[in-house]
Amino acid sequence: MSVISKLMEASEADTDVLRRLDSDGDDFSKFREVDFTFKCASEEKADTVAGFLGDYQYGKTSVLLEDEQYFVQVLIDMPVTQNILLCVSGFMVCIAELYNVEVDGWGCIAQNGT
């Protein structure tokens, strides 16, 4: 699959998540911790990806091991307006391509009310 196809697929999936958040009354402009996750084939690959993202301060990174699978979790404090979220998510797709890992999605807690 080409990078463009992956970006388009991610954009559609991200927009679906944003629609669900909207239906829950989310205030997209409120900052919240958003976590992006990468699946990695090895601990070394996970350390490399986490190192790059952490060294350049894209977010707070950690390497996780679950069921013999390595993951990199990146926590970013940000609003989730569509333009911002799609840009950051697209960047994560590009990072995954550069390091030959898989983006395993993102998540956050809806922010509404006060």
C-alpha atoms as a PDB file:
ATOM      1  CA  MET A   1       0.000   0.000   0.000  1.00  0.00           C
ATOM      2  CA  SER A   2       1.385   3.430  -0.919  1.00  0.00           C
ATOM      3  CA  VAL A   3       1.979   6.163   1.638  1.00  0.00           C
ATOM      4  CA  ILE A   4      -0.786   8.227   0.031  1.00  0.00           C
ATOM      5  CA  SER A   5      -3.229   5.336   0.391  1.00  0.00           C
ATOM      6  CA  LYS A   6      -2.242   4.895   4.036  1.00  0.00           C
ATOM      7  CA  LEU A   7      -2.699   8.620   4.696  1.00  0.00           C
ATOM      8  CA  MET A   8      -6.135   8.571   3.060  1.00  0.00           C
ATOM      9  CA  GLU A   9      -7.174   5.473   5.010  1.00  0.00           C
ATOM     10  CA  ALA A  10      -5.968   7.000   8.285  1.00  0.00           C
ATOM     11  CA  SER A  11      -7.804  10.248   7.517  1.00  0.00           C
ATOM     12  CA  GLU A  12     -11.084   8.395   7.030  1.00  0.00           C
ATOM     13  CA  ALA A  13     -10.633   6.387  10.236  1.00  0.00           C
ATOM     14  CA  ASP A  14      -9.631   9.517  12.189  1.00  0.00           C
ATOM     15  CA  THR A  15     -12.676  11.407  10.931  1.00  0.00           C
ATOM     16  CA  ASP A  16     -14.901   8.524  12.062  1.00  0.00           C
ATOM     17  CA  VAL A  17     -13.412   8.754  15.584  1.00  0.00           C
ATOM     18  CA  LEU A  18     -13.927  12.523  15.588  1.00  0.00           C
ATOM     19  CA  ARG A  19     -17.587  11.999  14.618  1.00  0.00           C
ATOM     20  CA  ARG A  20     -18.021   9.636  17.580  1.00  0.00           C
ATOM     21  CA  LEU A  21     -16.396  12.184  19.885  1.00  0.00           C
ATOM     22  CA  ASP A  22     -18.702  14.859  18.470  1.00  0.00           C
ATOM     23  CA  SER A  23     -21.738  12.706  19.206  1.00  0.00           C
ATOM     24  CA  ASP A  24     -20.501  12.523  22.821  1.00  0.00           C
ATOM     25  CA  GLY A  25     -20.453  16.329  22.980  1.00  0.00           C
ATOM     26  CA  ASP A  26     -16.680  16.701  22.798  1.00  0.00           C
ATOM     27  CA  ASP A  27     -15.208  20.211  22.793  1.00  0.00           C
ATOM     28  CA  PHE A  28     -12.465  19.587  20.210  1.00  0.00           C
ATOM     29  CA  SER A  29     -10.617  22.790  21.103  1.00  0.00           C
ATOM     30  CA  LYS A  30      -9.879  21.625  24.665  1.00  0.00           C
ATOM     31  CA  PHE A  31      -6.406  20.268  25.191  1.00  0.00           C
ATOM     32  CA  ARG A  32      -6.178  16.670  26.333  1.00  0.00           C
ATOM     33  CA  GLU A  33      -3.677  13.845  26.310  1.00  0.00           C
ATOM     34  CA  VAL A  34      -3.868  11.964  23.011  1.00  0.00           C
ATOM     35  CA  ASP A  35      -2.007   8.681  22.728  1.00  0.00           C
ATOM     36  CA  PHE A  36      -0.679   7.346  19.450  1.00  0.00           C
ATOM     37  CA  THR A  37       0.584   3.773  19.361  1.00  0.00           C
ATOM     38  CA  PHE A  38       3.005   1.980  17.039  1.00  0.00           C
ATOM     39  CA  LYS A  39       3.438  -1.799  16.720  1.00  0.00           C
ATOM     40  CA  CYS A  40       7.091  -2.762  16.400  1.00  0.00           C
ATOM     41  CA  ALA A  41       8.703  -6.047  15.371  1.00  0.00           C
ATOM     42  CA  SER A  42      11.454  -5.883  17.986  1.00  0.00           C
ATOM     43  CA  GLU A  43      12.560  -4.106  21.120  1.00  0.00           C
ATOM     44  CA  GLU A  44      15.387  -2.476  19.165  1.00  0.00           C
ATOM     45  CA  LYS A  45      12.939  -1.060  16.602  1.00  0.00           C
ATOM     46  CA  ALA A  46      10.661   0.183  19.385  1.00  0.00           C
ATOM     47  CA  ASP A  47      13.614   1.849  21.131  1.00  0.00           C
ATOM     48  CA  THR A  48      14.637   3.537  17.860  1.00  0.00           C
ATOM     49  CA  VAL A  49      11.144   4.909  17.166  1.00  0.00           C
ATOM     50  CA  ALA A  50      10.652   6.011  20.774  1.00  0.00           C
ATOM     51  CA  GLY A  51      14.092   7.594  20.762  1.00  0.00           C
ATOM     52  CA  PHE A  52      13.401   9.620  17.628  1.00  0.00           C
ATOM     53  CA  LEU A  53      10.017  10.872  18.844  1.00  0.00           C
ATOM     54  CA  GLY A  54      11.329  11.610  22.325  1.00  0.00           C
ATOM     55  CA  ASP A  55      14.613  13.200  21.249  1.00  0.00           C
ATOM     56  CA  TYR A  56      12.767  15.681  19.035  1.00  0.00           C
ATOM     57  CA  GLN A  57      10.124  16.226  21.724  1.00  0.00           C
ATOM     58  CA  TYR A  58       7.138  15.227  19.598  1.00  0.00           C
ATOM     59  CA  GLY A  59       5.622  13.735  22.730  1.00  0.00           C
ATOM     60  CA  LYS A  60       6.262  11.683  25.838  1.00  0.00           C
ATOM     61  CA  THR A  61       7.230   8.200  24.686  1.00  0.00           C
ATOM     62  CA  SER A  62       7.360   4.803  26.311  1.00  0.00           C
ATOM     63  CA  VAL A  63       8.076   1.302  25.062  1.00  0.00           C
ATOM     64  CA  LEU A  64       5.531  -1.308  26.121  1.00  0.00           C
ATOM     65  CA  LEU A  65       5.606  -5.097  25.872  1.00  0.00           C
ATOM     66  CA  GLU A  66       2.242  -6.865  25.684  1.00  0.00           C
ATOM     67  CA  ASP A  67       1.841 -10.522  24.732  1.00  0.00           C
ATOM     68  CA  GLU A  68       5.371 -10.627  23.297  1.00  0.00           C
ATOM     69  CA  GLN A  69       4.588  -7.624  21.033  1.00  0.00           C
ATOM     70  CA  TYR A  70       6.493  -4.357  21.376  1.00  0.00           C
ATOM     71  CA  PHE A  71       4.602  -1.080  21.187  1.00  0.00           C
ATOM     72  CA  VAL A  72       5.643   2.545  21.324  1.00  0.00           C
ATOM     73  CA  GLN A  73       3.150   4.855  22.975  1.00  0.00           C
ATOM     74  CA  VAL A  74       3.443   8.589  22.303  1.00  0.00           C
ATOM     75  CA  LEU A  75       1.451  10.941  24.543  1.00  0.00           C
ATOM     76  CA  ILE A  76       0.783  14.417  23.158  1.00  0.00           C
ATOM     77  CA  ASP A  77      -1.128  17.180  24.926  1.00  0.00           C
ATOM     78  CA  MET A  78      -3.217  18.722  22.155  1.00  0.00           C
ATOM     79  CA  PRO A  79      -6.671  19.738  20.968  1.00  0.00           C
ATOM     80  CA  VAL A  80      -8.341  17.400  18.489  1.00  0.00           C
ATOM     81  CA  THR A  81      -9.815  19.841  16.009  1.00  0.00           C
ATOM     82  CA  GLN A  82      -9.981  18.018  12.702  1.00  0.00           C
ATOM     83  CA  ASN A  83      -7.182  19.943  11.004  1.00  0.00           C
ATOM     84  CA  ILE A  84      -4.765  19.502  13.911  1.00  0.00           C
ATOM     85  CA  LEU A  85      -5.597  15.857  14.569  1.00  0.00           C
ATOM     86  CA  LEU A  86      -5.333  14.871  10.909  1.00  0.00           C
ATOM     87  CA  CYS A  87      -1.960  16.623  10.596  1.00  0.00           C
ATOM     88  CA  VAL A  88      -0.501  14.896  13.659  1.00  0.00           C
ATOM     89  CA  SER A  89      -1.989  11.543  12.695  1.00  0.00           C
ATOM     90  CA  GLY A  90      -0.619  11.919   9.156  1.00  0.00           C
ATOM     91  CA  PHE A  91       2.801  12.691  10.607  1.00  0.00           C
ATOM     92  CA  MET A  92       2.600   9.487  12.658  1.00  0.00           C
ATOM     93  CA  VAL A  93       1.757   7.519   9.492  1.00  0.00           C
ATOM     94  CA  CYS A  94       4.877   8.990   7.872  1.00  0.00           C
ATOM     95  CA  ILE A  95       7.018   8.076  10.908  1.00  0.00           C
ATOM     96  CA  ALA A  96       5.672   4.521  10.701  1.00  0.00           C
ATOM     97  CA  GLU A  97       6.650   4.366   7.030  1.00  0.00           C
ATOM     98  CA  LEU A  98      10.144   5.717   7.707  1.00  0.00           C
ATOM     99  CA  TYR A  99      10.800   3.146  10.426  1.00  0.00           C
ATOM    100  CA  ASN A 100       8.864   0.270   8.855  1.00  0.00           C
ATOM    101  CA  VAL A 101       6.470  -0.108  11.801  1.00  0.00           C
ATOM    102  CA  GLU A 102       2.678   0.002  12.008  1.00  0.00           C
ATOM    103  CA  VAL A 103       0.529   2.762  13.478  1.00  0.00           C
ATOM    104  CA  ASP A 104      -1.874   1.000  15.822  1.00  0.00           C
ATOM    105  CA  GLY A 105      -4.193   3.972  16.221  1.00  0.00           C
ATOM    106  CA  TRP A 106      -4.804   6.794  18.656  1.00  0.00           C
ATOM    107  CA  GLY A 107      -7.154   7.558  21.457  1.00  0.00           C
ATOM    108  CA  CYS A 108      -8.183  10.189  23.968  1.00  0.00           C
ATOM    109  CA  ILE A 109     -10.814  10.930  26.571  1.00  0.00           C
ATOM    110  CA  ALA A 110     -13.638  13.136  25.371  1.00  0.00           C
ATOM    111  CA  GLN A 111     -13.551  16.660  26.807  1.00  0.00           C
ATOM    112  CA  ASN A 112     -16.896  18.339  27.352  1.00  0.00           C
ATOM    113  CA  GLY A 113     -18.567  20.503  29.918  1.00  0.00           C
ATOM    114  CA  THR A 114     -16.395  22.847  31.960  1.00  0.00           C
END
